Amino acid sequence: MQFWLKVAHIASMSIWFTGLFLLVRLFAARRRGERDARPDFFNPVANRLFFRIATPAGVLTIAFGMALIPWVAPGAWLVAKLGLVALVVLVHLWMGAHLHALGKGKQRRGGVLPSLLGWAPLLLLLAIAALTGAKPRSVGDLPPPGAQADDGPAHSSSALSADARASSRSRWP
């Protein structure tokens, strides 16, 4: 069961990000006035891509990912990954709002935001893949989940016992 959930999660994530990449490409073509910017091509393709392909794939990706949470080891990587997924959802919603504005005839020219958000899906995908592959138990000076603290200062990295520090060092190079 877990194997097939992972397969479905990865497949739907691949479709979702492909849709986001293609939407970025269509928005860039429209901004530059290329052949793909013609309304008889852009409008049906962008709407179909966003509403019928990318959005359902995004919903399935999140649903399969939530179904996988009970089987994964908790750690800082999971919290960071969920934060990055929230950013991907925000980028997806921004693309939907931009598509809606273009459909209403509001032409947004230039600006830094569309250029930056064009790179966002790729950077977020790489960050999510790196976190999922590495699965770090802690980030920086934060102790791994479940680490026992001795009677030291309550809010410092020295609150870990010597045994917990040694065991956390032995697991990671």
N, C-alpha and C. Protein backbone atom coordinates (compact mmCIF):
# COMPACT_ATOMS: atom_id res chain seq x y z
N MET A 1 0.82 -1.20 0.00
CA MET A 1 0.00 0.00 0.00
C MET A 1 0.87 1.27 0.00
N GLN A 2 1.88 1.27 0.88
CA GLN A 2 2.75 2.45 0.97
C GLN A 2 3.49 2.67 -0.34
N PHE A 3 3.93 1.60 -0.98
CA PHE A 3 4.65 1.73 -2.25
C PHE A 3 3.77 2.40 -3.30
N TRP A 4 2.52 1.96 -3.41
CA TRP A 4 1.63 2.53 -4.42
C TRP A 4 1.23 3.96 -4.09
N LEU A 5 1.15 4.29 -2.82
CA LEU A 5 0.91 5.69 -2.45
C LEU A 5 2.08 6.57 -2.88
N LYS A 6 3.31 6.07 -2.68
CA LYS A 6 4.48 6.83 -3.11
C LYS A 6 4.51 7.00 -4.62
N VAL A 7 4.18 5.93 -5.34
CA VAL A 7 4.14 6.01 -6.81
C VAL A 7 3.11 7.04 -7.25
N ALA A 8 1.92 6.99 -6.66
CA ALA A 8 0.87 7.94 -7.03
C ALA A 8 1.26 9.36 -6.65
N HIS A 9 1.92 9.53 -5.49
CA HIS A 9 2.36 10.86 -5.05
C HIS A 9 3.39 11.43 -6.02
N ILE A 10 4.36 10.63 -6.40
CA ILE A 10 5.41 11.11 -7.31
C ILE A 10 4.85 11.37 -8.71
N ALA A 11 3.95 10.49 -9.19
CA ALA A 11 3.36 10.69 -10.51
C ALA A 11 2.52 11.97 -10.56
N SER A 12 1.67 12.17 -9.56
CA SER A 12 0.83 13.37 -9.56
C SER A 12 1.67 14.63 -9.35
N MET A 13 2.75 14.52 -8.56
CA MET A 13 3.65 15.67 -8.37
C MET A 13 4.34 16.02 -9.68
N SER A 14 4.73 15.01 -10.44
CA SER A 14 5.38 15.26 -11.73
C SER A 14 4.43 15.98 -12.68
N ILE A 15 3.19 15.55 -12.71
CA ILE A 15 2.20 16.19 -13.58
C ILE A 15 1.93 17.63 -13.11
N TRP A 16 1.82 17.83 -11.80
CA TRP A 16 1.56 19.16 -11.25
C TRP A 16 2.68 20.13 -11.63
N PHE A 17 3.92 19.73 -11.40
CA PHE A 17 5.03 20.63 -11.69
C PHE A 17 5.21 20.83 -13.20
N THR A 18 4.93 19.82 -13.99
CA THR A 18 4.97 20.01 -15.44
C THR A 18 3.96 21.07 -15.86
N GLY A 19 2.78 21.02 -15.28
CA GLY A 19 1.77 22.04 -15.57
C GLY A 19 2.23 23.42 -15.15
N LEU A 20 2.87 23.52 -13.98
CA LEU A 20 3.37 24.83 -13.54
C LEU A 20 4.47 25.34 -14.46
N PHE A 21 5.37 24.45 -14.88
CA PHE A 21 6.44 24.86 -15.80
C PHE A 21 5.86 25.35 -17.13
N LEU A 22 4.87 24.64 -17.65
CA LEU A 22 4.27 25.03 -18.93
C LEU A 22 3.49 26.34 -18.80
N LEU A 23 2.82 26.54 -17.67
CA LEU A 23 2.12 27.82 -17.47
C LEU A 23 3.11 28.98 -17.45
N VAL A 24 4.24 28.80 -16.80
CA VAL A 24 5.27 29.84 -16.80
C VAL A 24 5.71 30.13 -18.23
N ARG A 25 5.89 29.08 -19.01
CA ARG A 25 6.30 29.23 -20.42
C ARG A 25 5.23 29.97 -21.23
N LEU A 26 3.97 29.64 -21.00
CA LEU A 26 2.89 30.33 -21.71
C LEU A 26 2.79 31.80 -21.30
N PHE A 27 2.95 32.09 -20.01
CA PHE A 27 2.92 33.48 -19.56
C PHE A 27 4.08 34.28 -20.16
N ALA A 28 5.26 33.67 -20.23
CA ALA A 28 6.42 34.35 -20.82
C ALA A 28 6.20 34.60 -22.31
N ALA A 29 5.62 33.61 -23.01
CA ALA A 29 5.34 33.80 -24.43
C ALA A 29 4.33 34.91 -24.65
N ARG A 30 3.36 34.99 -23.78
CA ARG A 30 2.36 36.05 -23.90
C ARG A 30 2.98 37.42 -23.63
N ARG A 31 3.86 37.49 -22.62
CA ARG A 31 4.52 38.76 -22.31
C ARG A 31 5.39 39.24 -23.46
N ARG A 32 6.04 38.28 -24.15
CA ARG A 32 6.92 38.65 -25.26
C ARG A 32 6.18 38.79 -26.59
N GLY A 33 4.91 38.43 -26.61
CA GLY A 33 4.13 38.56 -27.84
C GLY A 33 4.46 37.50 -28.88
N GLU A 34 4.84 36.30 -28.44
CA GLU A 34 5.19 35.23 -29.37
C GLU A 34 3.94 34.60 -29.97
N ARG A 35 4.17 33.63 -30.83
CA ARG A 35 3.08 32.97 -31.54
C ARG A 35 2.10 32.29 -30.57
N ASP A 36 2.62 31.78 -29.46
CA ASP A 36 1.76 31.12 -28.47
C ASP A 36 0.87 32.10 -27.73
N ALA A 37 1.06 33.38 -27.93
CA ALA A 37 0.29 34.39 -27.21
C ALA A 37 -1.04 34.72 -27.90
N ARG A 38 -1.27 34.17 -29.08
CA ARG A 38 -2.54 34.44 -29.76
C ARG A 38 -3.70 33.98 -28.88
N PRO A 39 -4.73 34.80 -28.73
CA PRO A 39 -5.84 34.42 -27.83
C PRO A 39 -6.51 33.10 -28.22
N ASP A 40 -6.60 32.79 -29.53
CA ASP A 40 -7.25 31.54 -29.92
C ASP A 40 -6.42 30.31 -29.53
N PHE A 41 -5.14 30.49 -29.23
CA PHE A 41 -4.31 29.39 -28.74
C PHE A 41 -4.12 29.48 -27.23
N PHE A 42 -3.74 30.66 -26.75
CA PHE A 42 -3.38 30.82 -25.34
C PHE A 42 -4.54 30.52 -24.40
N ASN A 43 -5.70 31.11 -24.66
CA ASN A 43 -6.82 30.98 -23.72
C ASN A 43 -7.25 29.53 -23.49
N PRO A 44 -7.55 28.75 -24.53
CA PRO A 44 -7.97 27.37 -24.23
C PRO A 44 -6.85 26.51 -23.66
N VAL A 45 -5.62 26.70 -24.14
CA VAL A 45 -4.51 25.87 -23.66
C VAL A 45 -4.19 26.19 -22.21
N ALA A 46 -4.08 27.47 -21.87
CA ALA A 46 -3.74 27.85 -20.49
C ALA A 46 -4.86 27.45 -19.53
N ASN A 47 -6.11 27.65 -19.91
CA ASN A 47 -7.22 27.27 -19.04
C ASN A 47 -7.28 25.76 -18.84
N ARG A 48 -7.12 25.01 -19.91
CA ARG A 48 -7.14 23.55 -19.79
C ARG A 48 -5.97 23.07 -18.93
N LEU A 49 -4.81 23.66 -19.15
CA LEU A 49 -3.63 23.27 -18.39
C LEU A 49 -3.80 23.57 -16.91
N PHE A 50 -4.32 24.74 -16.59
CA PHE A 50 -4.45 25.11 -15.17
C PHE A 50 -5.60 24.36 -14.50
N PHE A 51 -6.80 24.39 -15.10
CA PHE A 51 -7.99 23.87 -14.43
C PHE A 51 -8.17 22.36 -14.56
N ARG A 52 -7.76 21.78 -15.66
CA ARG A 52 -8.02 20.36 -15.88
C ARG A 52 -6.80 19.46 -15.64
N ILE A 53 -5.61 20.04 -15.60
CA ILE A 53 -4.42 19.21 -15.43
C ILE A 53 -3.67 19.58 -14.14
N ALA A 54 -3.20 20.82 -14.02
CA ALA A 54 -2.33 21.19 -12.90
C ALA A 54 -3.09 21.21 -11.57
N THR A 55 -4.26 21.77 -11.53
CA THR A 55 -4.99 21.86 -10.26
C THR A 55 -5.40 20.49 -9.73
N PRO A 56 -6.01 19.61 -10.53
CA PRO A 56 -6.31 18.27 -9.99
C PRO A 56 -5.05 17.50 -9.58
N ALA A 57 -3.98 17.66 -10.35
CA ALA A 57 -2.73 16.97 -9.98
C ALA A 57 -2.17 17.52 -8.67
N GLY A 58 -2.29 18.82 -8.45
CA GLY A 58 -1.84 19.41 -7.19
C GLY A 58 -2.66 18.91 -6.00
N VAL A 59 -3.97 18.82 -6.19
CA VAL A 59 -4.83 18.30 -5.12
C VAL A 59 -4.48 16.84 -4.81
N LEU A 60 -4.29 16.03 -5.85
CA LEU A 60 -3.92 14.63 -5.64
C LEU A 60 -2.54 14.50 -5.00
N THR A 61 -1.60 15.34 -5.40
CA THR A 61 -0.27 15.32 -4.79
C THR A 61 -0.36 15.56 -3.30
N ILE A 62 -1.11 16.57 -2.91
CA ILE A 62 -1.24 16.89 -1.49
C ILE A 62 -1.99 15.79 -0.76
N ALA A 63 -3.02 15.23 -1.37
CA ALA A 63 -3.78 14.15 -0.72
C ALA A 63 -2.91 12.90 -0.53
N PHE A 64 -2.17 12.50 -1.56
CA PHE A 64 -1.30 11.33 -1.42
C PHE A 64 -0.17 11.60 -0.43
N GLY A 65 0.36 12.83 -0.42
CA GLY A 65 1.39 13.17 0.54
C GLY A 65 0.88 13.13 1.97
N MET A 66 -0.34 13.60 2.19
CA MET A 66 -0.93 13.54 3.53
C MET A 66 -1.17 12.09 3.95
N ALA A 67 -1.54 11.24 2.99
CA ALA A 67 -1.74 9.83 3.31
C ALA A 67 -0.42 9.14 3.66
N LEU A 68 0.70 9.65 3.17
CA LEU A 68 2.01 9.05 3.44
C LEU A 68 2.61 9.50 4.77
N ILE A 69 2.11 10.56 5.37
CA ILE A 69 2.71 11.11 6.58
C ILE A 69 2.83 10.08 7.72
N PRO A 70 1.85 9.22 7.96
CA PRO A 70 2.02 8.26 9.06
C PRO A 70 3.20 7.30 8.89
N TRP A 71 3.67 7.10 7.69
CA TRP A 71 4.75 6.15 7.45
C TRP A 71 6.15 6.77 7.44
N VAL A 72 6.25 8.09 7.49
CA VAL A 72 7.57 8.71 7.42
C VAL A 72 8.10 9.02 8.80
N ALA A 73 9.42 9.05 8.91
CA ALA A 73 10.06 9.42 10.18
C ALA A 73 9.93 10.93 10.36
N PRO A 74 9.46 11.35 11.54
CA PRO A 74 9.33 12.80 11.74
C PRO A 74 10.69 13.46 11.85
N GLY A 75 10.71 14.70 11.55
CA GLY A 75 11.96 15.46 11.66
C GLY A 75 11.77 16.84 11.09
N ALA A 76 12.84 17.58 11.14
CA ALA A 76 12.81 18.95 10.63
C ALA A 76 12.56 18.97 9.13
N TRP A 77 13.00 17.92 8.43
CA TRP A 77 12.83 17.87 6.98
C TRP A 77 11.35 17.88 6.61
N LEU A 78 10.52 17.20 7.40
CA LEU A 78 9.09 17.13 7.09
C LEU A 78 8.42 18.49 7.27
N VAL A 79 8.78 19.19 8.33
CA VAL A 79 8.23 20.53 8.56
C VAL A 79 8.67 21.47 7.44
N ALA A 80 9.95 21.40 7.08
CA ALA A 80 10.45 22.26 6.00
C ALA A 80 9.79 21.90 4.67
N LYS A 81 9.59 20.62 4.42
CA LYS A 81 8.96 20.19 3.17
C LYS A 81 7.51 20.69 3.10
N LEU A 82 6.79 20.58 4.20
CA LEU A 82 5.41 21.08 4.21
C LEU A 82 5.37 22.59 4.01
N GLY A 83 6.35 23.30 4.54
CA GLY A 83 6.43 24.74 4.30
C GLY A 83 6.68 25.05 2.83
N LEU A 84 7.57 24.28 2.20
CA LEU A 84 7.84 24.48 0.77
C LEU A 84 6.63 24.13 -0.08
N VAL A 85 5.90 23.08 0.31
CA VAL A 85 4.68 22.72 -0.42
C VAL A 85 3.66 23.85 -0.30
N ALA A 86 3.59 24.48 0.86
CA ALA A 86 2.68 25.64 1.01
C ALA A 86 3.09 26.76 0.06
N LEU A 87 4.40 26.97 -0.12
CA LEU A 87 4.86 27.99 -1.08
C LEU A 87 4.48 27.61 -2.51
N VAL A 88 4.57 26.32 -2.84
CA VAL A 88 4.17 25.87 -4.19
C VAL A 88 2.69 26.13 -4.40
N VAL A 89 1.89 25.88 -3.38
CA VAL A 89 0.45 26.16 -3.49
C VAL A 89 0.21 27.66 -3.70
N LEU A 90 0.97 28.50 -3.02
CA LEU A 90 0.82 29.95 -3.22
C LEU A 90 1.22 30.36 -4.64
N VAL A 91 2.29 29.77 -5.17
CA VAL A 91 2.69 30.06 -6.56
C VAL A 91 1.59 29.60 -7.51
N HIS A 92 1.02 28.43 -7.25
CA HIS A 92 -0.07 27.90 -8.08
C HIS A 92 -1.26 28.86 -8.05
N LEU A 93 -1.62 29.33 -6.86
CA LEU A 93 -2.74 30.27 -6.74
C LEU A 93 -2.44 31.59 -7.43
N TRP A 94 -1.18 32.07 -7.34
CA TRP A 94 -0.82 33.31 -8.04
C TRP A 94 -0.98 33.12 -9.55
N MET A 95 -0.57 31.95 -10.06
CA MET A 95 -0.72 31.70 -11.50
C MET A 95 -2.19 31.68 -11.90
N GLY A 96 -3.03 31.11 -11.03
CA GLY A 96 -4.47 31.13 -11.31
C GLY A 96 -5.04 32.54 -11.31
N ALA A 97 -4.59 33.36 -10.36
CA ALA A 97 -5.05 34.75 -10.32
C ALA A 97 -4.55 35.52 -11.54
N HIS A 98 -3.32 35.26 -11.95
CA HIS A 98 -2.76 35.91 -13.14
C HIS A 98 -3.53 35.48 -14.39
N LEU A 99 -3.85 34.21 -14.48
CA LEU A 99 -4.62 33.70 -15.61
C LEU A 99 -6.01 34.32 -15.63
N HIS A 100 -6.62 34.48 -14.46
CA HIS A 100 -7.94 35.10 -14.37
C HIS A 100 -7.88 36.56 -14.82
N ALA A 101 -6.83 37.27 -14.38
CA ALA A 101 -6.67 38.68 -14.78
C ALA A 101 -6.48 38.79 -16.28
N LEU A 102 -5.71 37.89 -16.86
CA LEU A 102 -5.52 37.91 -18.32
C LEU A 102 -6.83 37.61 -19.04
N GLY A 103 -7.64 36.73 -18.48
CA GLY A 103 -8.93 36.42 -19.07
C GLY A 103 -9.89 37.60 -19.03
N LYS A 104 -9.74 38.46 -18.03
CA LYS A 104 -10.58 39.66 -17.91
C LYS A 104 -10.04 40.81 -18.74
N GLY A 105 -8.91 40.59 -19.42
CA GLY A 105 -8.34 41.63 -20.27
C GLY A 105 -7.36 42.55 -19.59
N LYS A 106 -6.98 42.23 -18.38
CA LYS A 106 -5.99 43.05 -17.67
C LYS A 106 -4.60 42.55 -18.02
N GLN A 107 -3.93 43.29 -18.84
CA GLN A 107 -2.59 42.92 -19.29
C GLN A 107 -1.56 43.45 -18.32
N ARG A 108 -0.85 42.56 -17.65
CA ARG A 108 0.21 42.98 -16.73
C ARG A 108 1.53 42.92 -17.48
N ARG A 109 2.18 44.03 -17.60
CA ARG A 109 3.45 44.10 -18.34
C ARG A 109 4.60 44.22 -17.37
N GLY A 110 5.70 43.58 -17.72
CA GLY A 110 6.96 43.74 -16.99
C GLY A 110 6.84 43.37 -15.53
N GLY A 111 7.60 44.05 -14.73
CA GLY A 111 7.59 43.80 -13.31
C GLY A 111 8.56 42.69 -12.93
N VAL A 112 8.98 42.75 -11.70
CA VAL A 112 9.93 41.77 -11.20
C VAL A 112 9.22 40.50 -10.74
N LEU A 113 8.01 40.63 -10.21
CA LEU A 113 7.31 39.48 -9.65
C LEU A 113 7.07 38.36 -10.66
N PRO A 114 6.56 38.64 -11.86
CA PRO A 114 6.38 37.53 -12.81
C PRO A 114 7.70 36.85 -13.18
N SER A 115 8.75 37.63 -13.27
CA SER A 115 10.05 37.02 -13.61
C SER A 115 10.55 36.14 -12.49
N LEU A 116 10.41 36.60 -11.26
CA LEU A 116 10.85 35.79 -10.12
C LEU A 116 9.99 34.54 -9.94
N LEU A 117 8.68 34.71 -10.10
CA LEU A 117 7.80 33.56 -9.94
C LEU A 117 7.93 32.57 -11.08
N GLY A 118 8.53 32.97 -12.17
CA GLY A 118 8.81 32.03 -13.24
C GLY A 118 9.82 30.98 -12.83
N TRP A 119 10.75 31.37 -11.97
CA TRP A 119 11.77 30.44 -11.47
C TRP A 119 11.32 29.69 -10.23
N ALA A 120 10.28 30.16 -9.59
CA ALA A 120 9.85 29.58 -8.32
C ALA A 120 9.51 28.09 -8.39
N PRO A 121 8.74 27.60 -9.39
CA PRO A 121 8.45 26.17 -9.39
C PRO A 121 9.71 25.29 -9.47
N LEU A 122 10.67 25.69 -10.28
CA LEU A 122 11.90 24.90 -10.40
C LEU A 122 12.68 24.90 -9.10
N LEU A 123 12.86 26.08 -8.50
CA LEU A 123 13.63 26.16 -7.25
C LEU A 123 12.93 25.42 -6.12
N LEU A 124 11.61 25.52 -6.05
CA LEU A 124 10.88 24.81 -5.02
C LEU A 124 10.93 23.30 -5.23
N LEU A 125 10.83 22.86 -6.48
CA LEU A 125 10.93 21.43 -6.76
C LEU A 125 12.29 20.88 -6.35
N LEU A 126 13.35 21.60 -6.67
CA LEU A 126 14.70 21.15 -6.30
C LEU A 126 14.87 21.12 -4.78
N ALA A 127 14.35 22.13 -4.09
CA ALA A 127 14.46 22.16 -2.63
C ALA A 127 13.67 21.02 -1.99
N ILE A 128 12.47 20.76 -2.50
CA ILE A 128 11.66 19.66 -1.96
C ILE A 128 12.34 18.32 -2.21
N ALA A 129 12.89 18.13 -3.41
CA ALA A 129 13.57 16.88 -3.71
C ALA A 129 14.80 16.70 -2.83
N ALA A 130 15.55 17.77 -2.59
CA ALA A 130 16.74 17.67 -1.74
C ALA A 130 16.35 17.33 -0.30
N LEU A 131 15.32 17.97 0.21
CA LEU A 131 14.88 17.67 1.57
C LEU A 131 14.38 16.24 1.69
N THR A 132 13.62 15.79 0.71
CA THR A 132 13.08 14.44 0.76
C THR A 132 14.19 13.41 0.65
N GLY A 133 15.19 13.69 -0.16
CA GLY A 133 16.30 12.75 -0.30
C GLY A 133 17.19 12.71 0.92
N ALA A 134 17.49 13.87 1.51
CA ALA A 134 18.42 13.93 2.64
C ALA A 134 17.75 13.58 3.96
N LYS A 135 16.51 13.99 4.14
CA LYS A 135 15.76 13.78 5.38
C LYS A 135 16.57 14.12 6.64
N PRO A 136 17.06 15.35 6.75
CA PRO A 136 17.81 15.70 7.96
C PRO A 136 16.89 15.70 9.18
N ARG A 137 17.36 15.14 10.29
CA ARG A 137 16.54 15.08 11.51
C ARG A 137 16.48 16.43 12.21
N SER A 138 17.49 17.27 12.01
CA SER A 138 17.48 18.57 12.66
C SER A 138 18.02 19.61 11.70
N VAL A 139 17.82 20.86 12.07
CA VAL A 139 18.30 21.97 11.26
C VAL A 139 19.16 22.86 12.14
N GLY A 140 20.40 23.06 11.75
CA GLY A 140 21.29 23.93 12.51
C GLY A 140 21.49 23.44 13.93
N ASP A 141 21.25 24.32 14.91
CA ASP A 141 21.43 23.98 16.32
C ASP A 141 20.18 23.38 16.94
N LEU A 142 19.11 23.23 16.18
CA LEU A 142 17.89 22.67 16.74
C LEU A 142 18.09 21.18 17.00
N PRO A 143 17.64 20.70 18.16
CA PRO A 143 17.79 19.26 18.44
C PRO A 143 16.81 18.45 17.62
N PRO A 144 17.15 17.20 17.36
CA PRO A 144 16.20 16.36 16.65
C PRO A 144 14.98 16.10 17.51
N PRO A 145 13.84 15.75 16.90
CA PRO A 145 12.63 15.51 17.68
C PRO A 145 12.85 14.38 18.68
N GLY A 146 12.33 14.53 19.87
CA GLY A 146 12.41 13.49 20.88
C GLY A 146 13.71 13.49 21.66
N ALA A 147 14.60 14.44 21.44
CA ALA A 147 15.86 14.49 22.18
C ALA A 147 15.56 14.92 23.62
N GLN A 148 16.18 14.24 24.58
CA GLN A 148 15.98 14.54 25.99
C GLN A 148 16.87 15.69 26.41
N ALA A 149 16.32 16.61 27.14
CA ALA A 149 17.08 17.75 27.64
C ALA A 149 17.36 17.55 29.13
N ASP A 150 18.57 17.95 29.59
CA ASP A 150 18.86 17.90 31.01
C ASP A 150 18.46 19.22 31.66
N ASP A 151 18.89 19.48 32.85
CA ASP A 151 18.44 20.66 33.59
C ASP A 151 19.14 21.94 33.21
N GLY A 152 19.77 22.00 32.07
CA GLY A 152 20.50 23.19 31.62
C GLY A 152 19.54 24.30 31.24
N PRO A 153 20.06 25.34 30.59
CA PRO A 153 19.21 26.44 30.16
C PRO A 153 18.10 25.95 29.24
N ALA A 154 16.91 26.53 29.40
CA ALA A 154 15.74 26.03 28.70
C ALA A 154 15.76 26.31 27.20
N HIS A 155 16.35 27.41 26.77
CA HIS A 155 16.24 27.77 25.37
C HIS A 155 17.60 27.92 24.69
N SER A 156 18.46 26.97 24.87
CA SER A 156 19.74 27.05 24.18
C SER A 156 20.09 25.70 23.62
N SER A 157 21.04 25.68 22.72
CA SER A 157 21.44 24.42 22.12
C SER A 157 22.21 23.56 23.10
N SER A 158 22.63 24.12 24.24
CA SER A 158 23.35 23.32 25.23
C SER A 158 22.39 22.55 26.12
N ALA A 159 21.09 22.64 25.86
CA ALA A 159 20.11 21.92 26.67
C ALA A 159 20.13 20.43 26.40
N LEU A 160 20.79 19.98 25.37
CA LEU A 160 20.90 18.55 25.08
C LEU A 160 21.87 17.90 26.05
N SER A 161 21.56 16.69 26.43
CA SER A 161 22.50 15.96 27.27
C SER A 161 23.70 15.53 26.42
N ALA A 162 24.77 15.15 27.10
CA ALA A 162 25.97 14.71 26.38
C ALA A 162 25.69 13.46 25.57
N ASP A 163 24.85 12.55 26.12
CA ASP A 163 24.51 11.33 25.38
C ASP A 163 23.73 11.64 24.11
N ALA A 164 22.78 12.58 24.20
CA ALA A 164 21.98 12.93 23.02
C ALA A 164 22.84 13.59 21.97
N ARG A 165 23.79 14.45 22.38
CA ARG A 165 24.68 15.09 21.41
C ARG A 165 25.57 14.06 20.75
N ALA A 166 26.10 13.13 21.52
CA ALA A 166 26.97 12.10 20.95
C ALA A 166 26.21 11.20 19.99
N SER A 167 24.97 10.85 20.36
CA SER A 167 24.22 9.96 19.49
C SER A 167 23.80 10.68 18.20
N SER A 168 23.50 11.97 18.30
CA SER A 168 23.12 12.69 17.08
C SER A 168 24.33 12.90 16.19
N ARG A 169 25.52 13.04 16.76
CA ARG A 169 26.72 13.19 15.94
C ARG A 169 27.10 11.88 15.27
N SER A 170 26.86 10.77 15.95
CA SER A 170 27.28 9.49 15.38
C SER A 170 26.43 9.10 14.19
N ARG A 171 25.22 9.64 14.08
CA ARG A 171 24.36 9.28 12.96
C ARG A 171 24.68 10.04 11.70
N TRP A 172 25.24 11.20 11.84
CA TRP A 172 25.47 12.04 10.65
C TRP A 172 26.96 12.33 10.51
N PRO A 173 27.46 12.27 9.28
CA PRO A 173 28.90 12.52 9.08
C PRO A 173 29.29 13.95 9.37
